[in-house]
């Protein structure tokens, strides 16, 4: 294990606390759901999970910075630039509709570089994690994880292609390129959110793309994809995540071998 062993153990502790809250509220008849200013939903589970994680980090890593989707940024007190980035429930729309594909995303960044990522999807009974230099792992819990690795597919005609939705690609002027890719691949499915990236890291599919993300959506995914042997950049080819907390991100994740071809076809929006 690398020098992040203690941080990874803490990330599992944070995920355990998050899972206890979110599973208790999943499909609860009294679940409270509101709309944020950007019209996306937030449930009482989202806010309760983030408050729990913030309290644990305050107790165990008081000098580290913190960015959470629901309560914003807290600057680091220490000089080393460490910062935790939290999405308390990634896939809130699934969560509030009773779809079990949602997860808590936990990342540790040094500067702008994600060095640790953990994704916990308790309704699926699965968790994924990685730290720089330690490989990527998945399993039902921390004690039963197994190494994971991306696929060896090298031809689009054999590739399983995953995306979040088509509306963002249309708004970005890339819908024709997306549809062309979907036609040329062996299979295409919209699993969406964190799940496509984790299936990629396990080798179950070969490409996952999203045109519009926030830092908390992608930070935890980066170490897992990379430690599983994959490549993850934005649509310009810059290693993800590119830019700070207020930046609008995009993501192209692949098994590596397919990356140049996908990037060439999706990297430029159509002229309008």
C-alpha atoms as a PDB file:
ATOM      1  CA  UNK A   1       0.000   0.000   0.000  1.00  0.00           C
ATOM      2  CA  UNK A   2       1.171   3.531  -0.714  1.00  0.00           C
ATOM      3  CA  UNK A   3       1.554   6.512   1.575  1.00  0.00           C
ATOM      4  CA  UNK A   4      -2.196   7.097   1.221  1.00  0.00           C
ATOM      5  CA  UNK A   5      -3.149   4.018   3.251  1.00  0.00           C
ATOM      6  CA  UNK A   6      -4.401   6.041   6.222  1.00  0.00           C
ATOM      7  CA  UNK A   7      -6.343   8.385   3.949  1.00  0.00           C
ATOM      8  CA  UNK A   8      -7.889   5.444   2.121  1.00  0.00           C
ATOM      9  CA  UNK A   9      -8.925   3.841   5.426  1.00  0.00           C
ATOM     10  CA  UNK A  10     -10.535   7.152   6.391  1.00  0.00           C
ATOM     11  CA  UNK A  11     -12.318   7.345   3.024  1.00  0.00           C
ATOM     12  CA  UNK A  12     -13.869   3.943   3.732  1.00  0.00           C
ATOM     13  CA  UNK A  13     -14.969   5.197   7.146  1.00  0.00           C
ATOM     14  CA  UNK A  14     -16.564   8.237   5.495  1.00  0.00           C
ATOM     15  CA  UNK A  15     -18.316   5.965   3.005  1.00  0.00           C
ATOM     16  CA  UNK A  16     -19.591   3.679   5.775  1.00  0.00           C
ATOM     17  CA  UNK A  17     -21.184   6.670   7.488  1.00  0.00           C
ATOM     18  CA  UNK A  18     -22.617   7.941   4.196  1.00  0.00           C
ATOM     19  CA  UNK A  19     -24.057   4.532   3.290  1.00  0.00           C
ATOM     20  CA  UNK A  20     -25.824   4.218   6.640  1.00  0.00           C
ATOM     21  CA  UNK A  21     -27.610   7.526   6.050  1.00  0.00           C
ATOM     22  CA  UNK A  22     -28.392   7.169   2.359  1.00  0.00           C
ATOM     23  CA  UNK A  23     -29.689   3.599   2.500  1.00  0.00           C
ATOM     24  CA  UNK A  24     -32.023   4.517   5.350  1.00  0.00           C
ATOM     25  CA  UNK A  25     -33.497   7.351   3.269  1.00  0.00           C
ATOM     26  CA  UNK A  26     -33.629   5.497  -0.065  1.00  0.00           C
ATOM     27  CA  UNK A  27     -37.280   4.973  -1.051  1.00  0.00           C
ATOM     28  CA  UNK A  28     -38.373   6.534   2.250  1.00  0.00           C
ATOM     29  CA  UNK A  29     -41.962   7.721   2.078  1.00  0.00           C
ATOM     30  CA  UNK A  30     -41.077  10.943   3.904  1.00  0.00           C
ATOM     31  CA  UNK A  31     -38.023  11.799   1.773  1.00  0.00           C
ATOM     32  CA  UNK A  32     -37.856  15.564   1.298  1.00  0.00           C
ATOM     33  CA  UNK A  33     -36.782  16.829  -2.125  1.00  0.00           C
ATOM     34  CA  UNK A  34     -36.211  20.463  -3.103  1.00  0.00           C
ATOM     35  CA  UNK A  35     -34.918  22.228  -6.216  1.00  0.00           C
ATOM     36  CA  UNK A  36     -31.608  24.070  -6.126  1.00  0.00           C
ATOM     37  CA  UNK A  37     -31.130  27.353  -8.010  1.00  0.00           C
ATOM     38  CA  UNK A  38     -29.934  25.414 -11.065  1.00  0.00           C
ATOM     39  CA  UNK A  39     -33.207  23.412 -10.898  1.00  0.00           C
ATOM     40  CA  UNK A  40     -31.452  20.144 -10.058  1.00  0.00           C
ATOM     41  CA  UNK A  41     -32.953  18.188  -7.142  1.00  0.00           C
ATOM     42  CA  UNK A  42     -31.466  17.893  -3.674  1.00  0.00           C
ATOM     43  CA  UNK A  43     -32.867  15.531  -1.049  1.00  0.00           C
ATOM     44  CA  UNK A  44     -32.542  15.526   2.714  1.00  0.00           C
ATOM     45  CA  UNK A  45     -30.258  12.503   2.204  1.00  0.00           C
ATOM     46  CA  UNK A  46     -27.795  14.586   0.126  1.00  0.00           C
ATOM     47  CA  UNK A  47     -27.460  17.218   2.829  1.00  0.00           C
ATOM     48  CA  UNK A  48     -27.358  14.734   5.727  1.00  0.00           C
ATOM     49  CA  UNK A  49     -24.608  12.690   4.071  1.00  0.00           C
ATOM     50  CA  UNK A  50     -22.480  15.746   3.400  1.00  0.00           C
ATOM     51  CA  UNK A  51     -22.908  17.041   6.959  1.00  0.00           C
ATOM     52  CA  UNK A  52     -21.809  13.661   8.322  1.00  0.00           C
ATOM     53  CA  UNK A  53     -18.714  13.553   6.121  1.00  0.00           C
ATOM     54  CA  UNK A  54     -17.806  17.127   7.005  1.00  0.00           C
ATOM     55  CA  UNK A  55     -18.025  16.333  10.724  1.00  0.00           C
ATOM     56  CA  UNK A  56     -15.782  13.271  10.345  1.00  0.00           C
ATOM     57  CA  UNK A  57     -13.207  15.178   8.301  1.00  0.00           C
ATOM     58  CA  UNK A  58     -13.205  18.003  10.835  1.00  0.00           C
ATOM     59  CA  UNK A  59     -12.364  15.441  13.511  1.00  0.00           C
ATOM     60  CA  UNK A  60      -9.800  13.392  11.563  1.00  0.00           C
ATOM     61  CA  UNK A  61      -8.274  15.832   9.028  1.00  0.00           C
ATOM     62  CA  UNK A  62      -8.868  19.328  10.455  1.00  0.00           C
ATOM     63  CA  UNK A  63      -6.063  20.907   8.396  1.00  0.00           C
ATOM     64  CA  UNK A  64      -7.359  19.646   5.051  1.00  0.00           C
ATOM     65  CA  UNK A  65      -9.555  21.685   2.756  1.00  0.00           C
ATOM     66  CA  UNK A  66     -12.961  20.491   1.667  1.00  0.00           C
ATOM     67  CA  UNK A  67     -15.306  21.056  -1.266  1.00  0.00           C
ATOM     68  CA  UNK A  68     -18.793  19.545  -1.188  1.00  0.00           C
ATOM     69  CA  UNK A  69     -21.624  19.856  -3.658  1.00  0.00           C
ATOM     70  CA  UNK A  70     -24.190  21.008  -1.107  1.00  0.00           C
ATOM     71  CA  UNK A  71     -22.222  23.247   1.285  1.00  0.00           C
ATOM     72  CA  UNK A  72     -19.386  24.613  -0.814  1.00  0.00           C
ATOM     73  CA  UNK A  73     -15.706  25.106  -0.081  1.00  0.00           C
ATOM     74  CA  UNK A  74     -13.766  25.204   3.145  1.00  0.00           C
ATOM     75  CA  UNK A  75     -10.125  26.294   2.690  1.00  0.00           C
ATOM     76  CA  UNK A  76      -7.245  24.208   3.951  1.00  0.00           C
ATOM     77  CA  UNK A  77      -5.619  25.262   7.219  1.00  0.00           C
ATOM     78  CA  UNK A  78      -2.381  23.413   6.443  1.00  0.00           C
ATOM     79  CA  UNK A  79       0.324  24.349   3.923  1.00  0.00           C
ATOM     80  CA  UNK A  80       0.289  21.165   1.806  1.00  0.00           C
ATOM     81  CA  UNK A  81      -2.705  21.928  -0.408  1.00  0.00           C
ATOM     82  CA  UNK A  82      -4.686  18.797   0.468  1.00  0.00           C
ATOM     83  CA  UNK A  83      -8.392  19.013  -0.245  1.00  0.00           C
ATOM     84  CA  UNK A  84     -11.247  16.501  -0.041  1.00  0.00           C
ATOM     85  CA  UNK A  85     -13.942  16.745  -2.707  1.00  0.00           C
ATOM     86  CA  UNK A  86     -17.317  15.193  -1.925  1.00  0.00           C
ATOM     87  CA  UNK A  87     -20.461  14.423  -3.898  1.00  0.00           C
ATOM     88  CA  UNK A  88     -22.795  13.122  -1.185  1.00  0.00           C
ATOM     89  CA  UNK A  89     -25.152  11.449  -3.652  1.00  0.00           C
ATOM     90  CA  UNK A  90     -24.145  11.266  -7.293  1.00  0.00           C
ATOM     91  CA  UNK A  91     -27.295  10.338  -9.194  1.00  0.00           C
ATOM     92  CA  UNK A  92     -29.798  12.223  -7.040  1.00  0.00           C
ATOM     93  CA  UNK A  93     -32.439  12.001  -9.782  1.00  0.00           C
ATOM     94  CA  UNK A  94     -32.128   8.217  -9.639  1.00  0.00           C
ATOM     95  CA  UNK A  95     -32.188   8.293  -5.845  1.00  0.00           C
ATOM     96  CA  UNK A  96     -35.399  10.300  -5.588  1.00  0.00           C
ATOM     97  CA  UNK A  97     -37.150   8.090  -8.172  1.00  0.00           C
ATOM     98  CA  UNK A  98     -36.153   4.842  -6.467  1.00  0.00           C
ATOM     99  CA  UNK A  99     -33.562   3.774  -9.061  1.00  0.00           C
ATOM    100  CA  UNK A 100     -30.671   2.040  -7.224  1.00  0.00           C
ATOM    101  CA  UNK A 101     -27.878   3.519  -9.380  1.00  0.00           C
ATOM    102  CA  UNK A 102     -26.476   6.258  -7.120  1.00  0.00           C
ATOM    103  CA  UNK A 103     -23.338   6.612  -5.035  1.00  0.00           C
ATOM    104  CA  UNK A 104     -21.295   8.718  -2.660  1.00  0.00           C
ATOM    105  CA  UNK A 105     -18.114  10.039  -4.298  1.00  0.00           C
ATOM    106  CA  UNK A 106     -15.070  10.838  -2.142  1.00  0.00           C
ATOM    107  CA  UNK A 107     -11.805  12.229  -3.524  1.00  0.00           C
ATOM    108  CA  UNK A 108      -8.570  13.539  -2.066  1.00  0.00           C
ATOM    109  CA  UNK A 109      -6.678  16.118  -4.111  1.00  0.00           C
ATOM    110  CA  UNK A 110      -3.142  17.400  -3.700  1.00  0.00           C
ATOM    111  CA  UNK A 111      -3.262  20.742  -5.424  1.00  0.00           C
ATOM    112  CA  UNK A 112      -5.419  20.031  -8.472  1.00  0.00           C
ATOM    113  CA  UNK A 113      -4.343  16.375  -8.729  1.00  0.00           C
ATOM    114  CA  UNK A 114      -6.737  13.666  -7.510  1.00  0.00           C
ATOM    115  CA  UNK A 115      -4.599  11.106  -5.650  1.00  0.00           C
ATOM    116  CA  UNK A 116      -7.370   9.055  -4.050  1.00  0.00           C
ATOM    117  CA  UNK A 117     -10.889   8.170  -5.071  1.00  0.00           C
ATOM    118  CA  UNK A 118     -13.671   6.097  -3.567  1.00  0.00           C
ATOM    119  CA  UNK A 119     -17.139   5.447  -4.975  1.00  0.00           C
ATOM    120  CA  UNK A 120     -19.682   3.678  -2.787  1.00  0.00           C
ATOM    121  CA  UNK A 121     -22.981   2.465  -4.267  1.00  0.00           C
ATOM    122  CA  UNK A 122     -24.718   0.705  -1.354  1.00  0.00           C
ATOM    123  CA  UNK A 123     -27.956  -0.048  -3.220  1.00  0.00           C
ATOM    124  CA  UNK A 124     -25.834  -1.983  -5.737  1.00  0.00           C
ATOM    125  CA  UNK A 125     -23.820  -3.626  -2.958  1.00  0.00           C
ATOM    126  CA  UNK A 126     -20.557  -2.440  -4.511  1.00  0.00           C
ATOM    127  CA  UNK A 127     -17.687  -0.070  -3.793  1.00  0.00           C
ATOM    128  CA  UNK A 128     -14.684   1.000  -5.907  1.00  0.00           C
ATOM    129  CA  UNK A 129     -11.484   2.653  -4.687  1.00  0.00           C
ATOM    130  CA  UNK A 130      -7.944   3.590  -5.684  1.00  0.00           C
ATOM    131  CA  UNK A 131      -4.960   5.591  -4.504  1.00  0.00           C
ATOM    132  CA  UNK A 132      -1.987   6.751  -6.547  1.00  0.00           C
ATOM    133  CA  UNK A 133       0.398   3.835  -7.032  1.00  0.00           C
ATOM    134  CA  UNK A 134      -1.846   1.299  -5.256  1.00  0.00           C
ATOM    135  CA  UNK A 135      -4.006   0.006  -8.102  1.00  0.00           C
ATOM    136  CA  UNK A 136      -7.795   0.036  -8.382  1.00  0.00           C
ATOM    137  CA  UNK A 137     -10.079  -2.244  -6.404  1.00  0.00           C
ATOM    138  CA  UNK A 138     -13.746  -3.156  -6.169  1.00  0.00           C
ATOM    139  CA  UNK A 139     -15.932  -5.281  -3.949  1.00  0.00           C
ATOM    140  CA  UNK A 140     -18.828  -5.204  -1.527  1.00  0.00           C
ATOM    141  CA  UNK A 141     -16.628  -3.699   1.213  1.00  0.00           C
ATOM    142  CA  UNK A 142     -13.049  -2.795   2.064  1.00  0.00           C
ATOM    143  CA  UNK A 143     -12.193  -6.293   3.284  1.00  0.00           C
ATOM    144  CA  UNK A 144     -13.295  -8.154   0.179  1.00  0.00           C
ATOM    145  CA  UNK A 145     -11.996  -6.007  -2.648  1.00  0.00           C
ATOM    146  CA  UNK A 146     -10.315  -7.439  -5.728  1.00  0.00           C
ATOM    147  CA  UNK A 147      -8.080  -5.707  -8.292  1.00  0.00           C
ATOM    148  CA  UNK A 148      -9.835  -4.350 -11.379  1.00  0.00           C
ATOM    149  CA  UNK A 149      -8.486  -3.447 -14.814  1.00  0.00           C
ATOM    150  CA  UNK A 150      -9.777  -1.926 -18.021  1.00  0.00           C
ATOM    151  CA  UNK A 151     -10.442  -3.984 -21.138  1.00  0.00           C
ATOM    152  CA  UNK A 152      -8.046  -4.701 -23.997  1.00  0.00           C
ATOM    153  CA  UNK A 153     -10.515  -3.785 -26.779  1.00  0.00           C
ATOM    154  CA  UNK A 154      -8.787  -1.810 -29.533  1.00  0.00           C
ATOM    155  CA  UNK A 155     -11.396  -1.578 -32.304  1.00  0.00           C
ATOM    156  CA  UNK A 156     -14.505   0.592 -32.172  1.00  0.00           C
ATOM    157  CA  UNK A 157     -16.461  -2.175 -33.891  1.00  0.00           C
ATOM    158  CA  UNK A 158     -15.848  -4.309 -30.796  1.00  0.00           C
ATOM    159  CA  UNK A 159     -16.333  -1.549 -28.231  1.00  0.00           C
ATOM    160  CA  UNK A 160     -19.079  -0.969 -25.690  1.00  0.00           C
ATOM    161  CA  UNK A 161     -19.726   2.782 -25.633  1.00  0.00           C
ATOM    162  CA  UNK A 162     -21.352   4.506 -22.650  1.00  0.00           C
ATOM    163  CA  UNK A 163     -22.707   8.023 -22.192  1.00  0.00           C
ATOM    164  CA  UNK A 164     -24.902   9.994 -19.800  1.00  0.00           C
ATOM    165  CA  UNK A 165     -27.583  11.479 -22.075  1.00  0.00           C
ATOM    166  CA  UNK A 166     -27.867  13.063 -25.508  1.00  0.00           C
ATOM    167  CA  UNK A 167     -29.239  16.502 -24.583  1.00  0.00           C
ATOM    168  CA  UNK A 168     -25.887  17.914 -23.458  1.00  0.00           C
ATOM    169  CA  UNK A 169     -24.186  16.763 -26.652  1.00  0.00           C
ATOM    170  CA  UNK A 170     -26.863  18.430 -28.745  1.00  0.00           C
ATOM    171  CA  UNK A 171     -26.483  21.692 -26.817  1.00  0.00           C
ATOM    172  CA  UNK A 172     -22.711  21.492 -27.299  1.00  0.00           C
ATOM    173  CA  UNK A 173     -22.899  20.952 -31.047  1.00  0.00           C
ATOM    174  CA  UNK A 174     -21.545  17.419 -30.883  1.00  0.00           C
ATOM    175  CA  UNK A 175     -24.699  15.349 -31.361  1.00  0.00           C
ATOM    176  CA  UNK A 176     -23.865  14.239 -34.909  1.00  0.00           C
ATOM    177  CA  UNK A 177     -20.434  13.058 -33.783  1.00  0.00           C
ATOM    178  CA  UNK A 178     -22.012  11.191 -30.873  1.00  0.00           C
ATOM    179  CA  UNK A 179     -24.572   9.453 -33.074  1.00  0.00           C
ATOM    180  CA  UNK A 180     -21.830   8.475 -35.510  1.00  0.00           C
ATOM    181  CA  UNK A 181     -19.817   6.901 -32.709  1.00  0.00           C
ATOM    182  CA  UNK A 182     -22.824   5.045 -31.395  1.00  0.00           C
ATOM    183  CA  UNK A 183     -23.445   3.582 -34.846  1.00  0.00           C
ATOM    184  CA  UNK A 184     -19.821   2.513 -35.243  1.00  0.00           C
ATOM    185  CA  UNK A 185     -19.492   0.818 -31.862  1.00  0.00           C
ATOM    186  CA  UNK A 186     -20.552  -2.732 -31.095  1.00  0.00           C
ATOM    187  CA  UNK A 187     -22.919  -1.554 -28.366  1.00  0.00           C
ATOM    188  CA  UNK A 188     -24.015   1.726 -26.773  1.00  0.00           C
ATOM    189  CA  UNK A 189     -25.839   2.251 -23.494  1.00  0.00           C
ATOM    190  CA  UNK A 190     -26.564   5.263 -21.263  1.00  0.00           C
ATOM    191  CA  UNK A 191     -25.750   3.977 -17.793  1.00  0.00           C
ATOM    192  CA  UNK A 192     -24.897   7.523 -16.702  1.00  0.00           C
ATOM    193  CA  UNK A 193     -23.248   9.268 -13.771  1.00  0.00           C
ATOM    194  CA  UNK A 194     -20.502   7.425 -11.850  1.00  0.00           C
ATOM    195  CA  UNK A 195     -21.589   3.966 -13.007  1.00  0.00           C
ATOM    196  CA  UNK A 196     -20.267   4.119 -16.553  1.00  0.00           C
ATOM    197  CA  UNK A 197     -16.787   5.033 -15.297  1.00  0.00           C
ATOM    198  CA  UNK A 198     -16.758   2.200 -12.783  1.00  0.00           C
ATOM    199  CA  UNK A 199     -17.893  -0.333 -15.387  1.00  0.00           C
ATOM    200  CA  UNK A 200     -15.081   0.998 -17.587  1.00  0.00           C
ATOM    201  CA  UNK A 201     -12.548   0.513 -14.783  1.00  0.00           C
ATOM    202  CA  UNK A 202     -13.765  -3.072 -14.357  1.00  0.00           C
ATOM    203  CA  UNK A 203     -13.398  -3.798 -18.085  1.00  0.00           C
ATOM    204  CA  UNK A 204     -17.148  -4.287 -18.573  1.00  0.00           C
ATOM    205  CA  UNK A 205     -17.277  -1.474 -21.127  1.00  0.00           C
ATOM    206  CA  UNK A 206     -14.674   0.477 -23.050  1.00  0.00           C
ATOM    207  CA  UNK A 207     -15.589   4.189 -23.300  1.00  0.00           C
ATOM    208  CA  UNK A 208     -17.536   6.619 -21.097  1.00  0.00           C
ATOM    209  CA  UNK A 209     -18.168  10.238 -22.101  1.00  0.00           C
ATOM    210  CA  UNK A 210     -19.909  13.259 -20.545  1.00  0.00           C
ATOM    211  CA  UNK A 211     -19.959  16.836 -21.894  1.00  0.00           C
ATOM    212  CA  UNK A 212     -20.791  18.702 -18.685  1.00  0.00           C
ATOM    213  CA  UNK A 213     -19.603  17.976 -15.129  1.00  0.00           C
ATOM    214  CA  UNK A 214     -18.627  19.689 -11.887  1.00  0.00           C
ATOM    215  CA  UNK A 215     -15.423  18.914 -10.009  1.00  0.00           C
ATOM    216  CA  UNK A 216     -17.257  16.804  -7.412  1.00  0.00           C
ATOM    217  CA  UNK A 217     -18.741  14.687 -10.221  1.00  0.00           C
ATOM    218  CA  UNK A 218     -15.375  13.642 -11.614  1.00  0.00           C
ATOM    219  CA  UNK A 219     -12.604  13.990  -8.997  1.00  0.00           C
ATOM    220  CA  UNK A 220     -13.173  10.600  -7.318  1.00  0.00           C
ATOM    221  CA  UNK A 221     -13.441   8.812 -10.666  1.00  0.00           C
ATOM    222  CA  UNK A 222     -10.040   9.903 -11.960  1.00  0.00           C
ATOM    223  CA  UNK A 223      -7.751   7.824  -9.684  1.00  0.00           C
ATOM    224  CA  UNK A 224      -9.930   4.728 -10.127  1.00  0.00           C
ATOM    225  CA  UNK A 225      -9.898   4.906 -13.929  1.00  0.00           C
ATOM    226  CA  UNK A 226      -6.175   5.645 -14.077  1.00  0.00           C
ATOM    227  CA  UNK A 227      -5.129   3.020 -11.532  1.00  0.00           C
ATOM    228  CA  UNK A 228      -7.230   0.480 -13.450  1.00  0.00           C
ATOM    229  CA  UNK A 229      -5.067   1.217 -16.497  1.00  0.00           C
ATOM    230  CA  UNK A 230      -7.437   3.590 -18.274  1.00  0.00           C
ATOM    231  CA  UNK A 231      -7.170   7.145 -19.573  1.00  0.00           C
ATOM    232  CA  UNK A 232      -9.372  10.051 -18.552  1.00  0.00           C
ATOM    233  CA  UNK A 233      -9.181  13.538 -20.050  1.00  0.00           C
ATOM    234  CA  UNK A 234     -11.534  16.332 -20.916  1.00  0.00           C
ATOM    235  CA  UNK A 235     -12.830  16.655 -24.492  1.00  0.00           C
ATOM    236  CA  UNK A 236      -9.809  18.797 -25.411  1.00  0.00           C
ATOM    237  CA  UNK A 237      -7.468  16.001 -24.351  1.00  0.00           C
ATOM    238  CA  UNK A 238      -6.299  17.712 -21.148  1.00  0.00           C
ATOM    239  CA  UNK A 239      -5.869  15.305 -18.220  1.00  0.00           C
ATOM    240  CA  UNK A 240      -8.966  15.440 -16.014  1.00  0.00           C
ATOM    241  CA  UNK A 241      -9.973  17.303 -14.014  1.00  0.00           C
ATOM    242  CA  UNK A 242      -8.920  20.445 -15.864  1.00  0.00           C
ATOM    243  CA  UNK A 243      -9.564  23.666 -13.949  1.00  0.00           C
ATOM    244  CA  UNK A 244     -10.725  24.572 -10.457  1.00  0.00           C
ATOM    245  CA  UNK A 245     -13.977  24.180  -8.513  1.00  0.00           C
ATOM    246  CA  UNK A 246     -15.911  26.771 -10.508  1.00  0.00           C
ATOM    247  CA  UNK A 247     -14.887  25.336 -13.863  1.00  0.00           C
ATOM    248  CA  UNK A 248     -17.306  23.463 -16.098  1.00  0.00           C
ATOM    249  CA  UNK A 249     -15.701  20.106 -16.808  1.00  0.00           C
ATOM    250  CA  UNK A 250     -16.122  17.425 -19.436  1.00  0.00           C
ATOM    251  CA  UNK A 251     -14.839  13.862 -19.410  1.00  0.00           C
ATOM    252  CA  UNK A 252     -13.707  11.242 -21.857  1.00  0.00           C
ATOM    253  CA  UNK A 253     -12.683   8.009 -20.159  1.00  0.00           C
ATOM    254  CA  UNK A 254     -11.465   4.982 -22.059  1.00  0.00           C
ATOM    255  CA  UNK A 255      -9.385   1.861 -21.794  1.00  0.00           C
ATOM    256  CA  UNK A 256      -6.534   3.858 -23.327  1.00  0.00           C
ATOM    257  CA  UNK A 257      -6.278   2.158 -26.698  1.00  0.00           C
ATOM    258  CA  UNK A 258      -9.502   3.705 -27.978  1.00  0.00           C
ATOM    259  CA  UNK A 259      -8.771   7.163 -26.612  1.00  0.00           C
ATOM    260  CA  UNK A 260      -7.139   8.845 -29.649  1.00  0.00           C
ATOM    261  CA  UNK A 261      -9.946   7.766 -31.984  1.00  0.00           C
ATOM    262  CA  UNK A 262     -12.743   8.895 -29.653  1.00  0.00           C
ATOM    263  CA  UNK A 263     -10.956  12.166 -28.896  1.00  0.00           C
ATOM    264  CA  UNK A 264     -10.506  12.915 -32.593  1.00  0.00           C
ATOM    265  CA  UNK A 265     -14.206  12.407 -33.232  1.00  0.00           C
ATOM    266  CA  UNK A 266     -15.643  14.175 -30.165  1.00  0.00           C
ATOM    267  CA  UNK A 267     -12.954  16.736 -29.417  1.00  0.00           C
ATOM    268  CA  UNK A 268     -14.353  19.560 -31.538  1.00  0.00           C
ATOM    269  CA  UNK A 269     -17.929  20.825 -31.532  1.00  0.00           C
ATOM    270  CA  UNK A 270     -19.549  21.363 -34.889  1.00  0.00           C
ATOM    271  CA  UNK A 271     -19.423  24.865 -36.310  1.00  0.00           C
ATOM    272  CA  UNK A 272     -22.723  26.711 -36.033  1.00  0.00           C
END
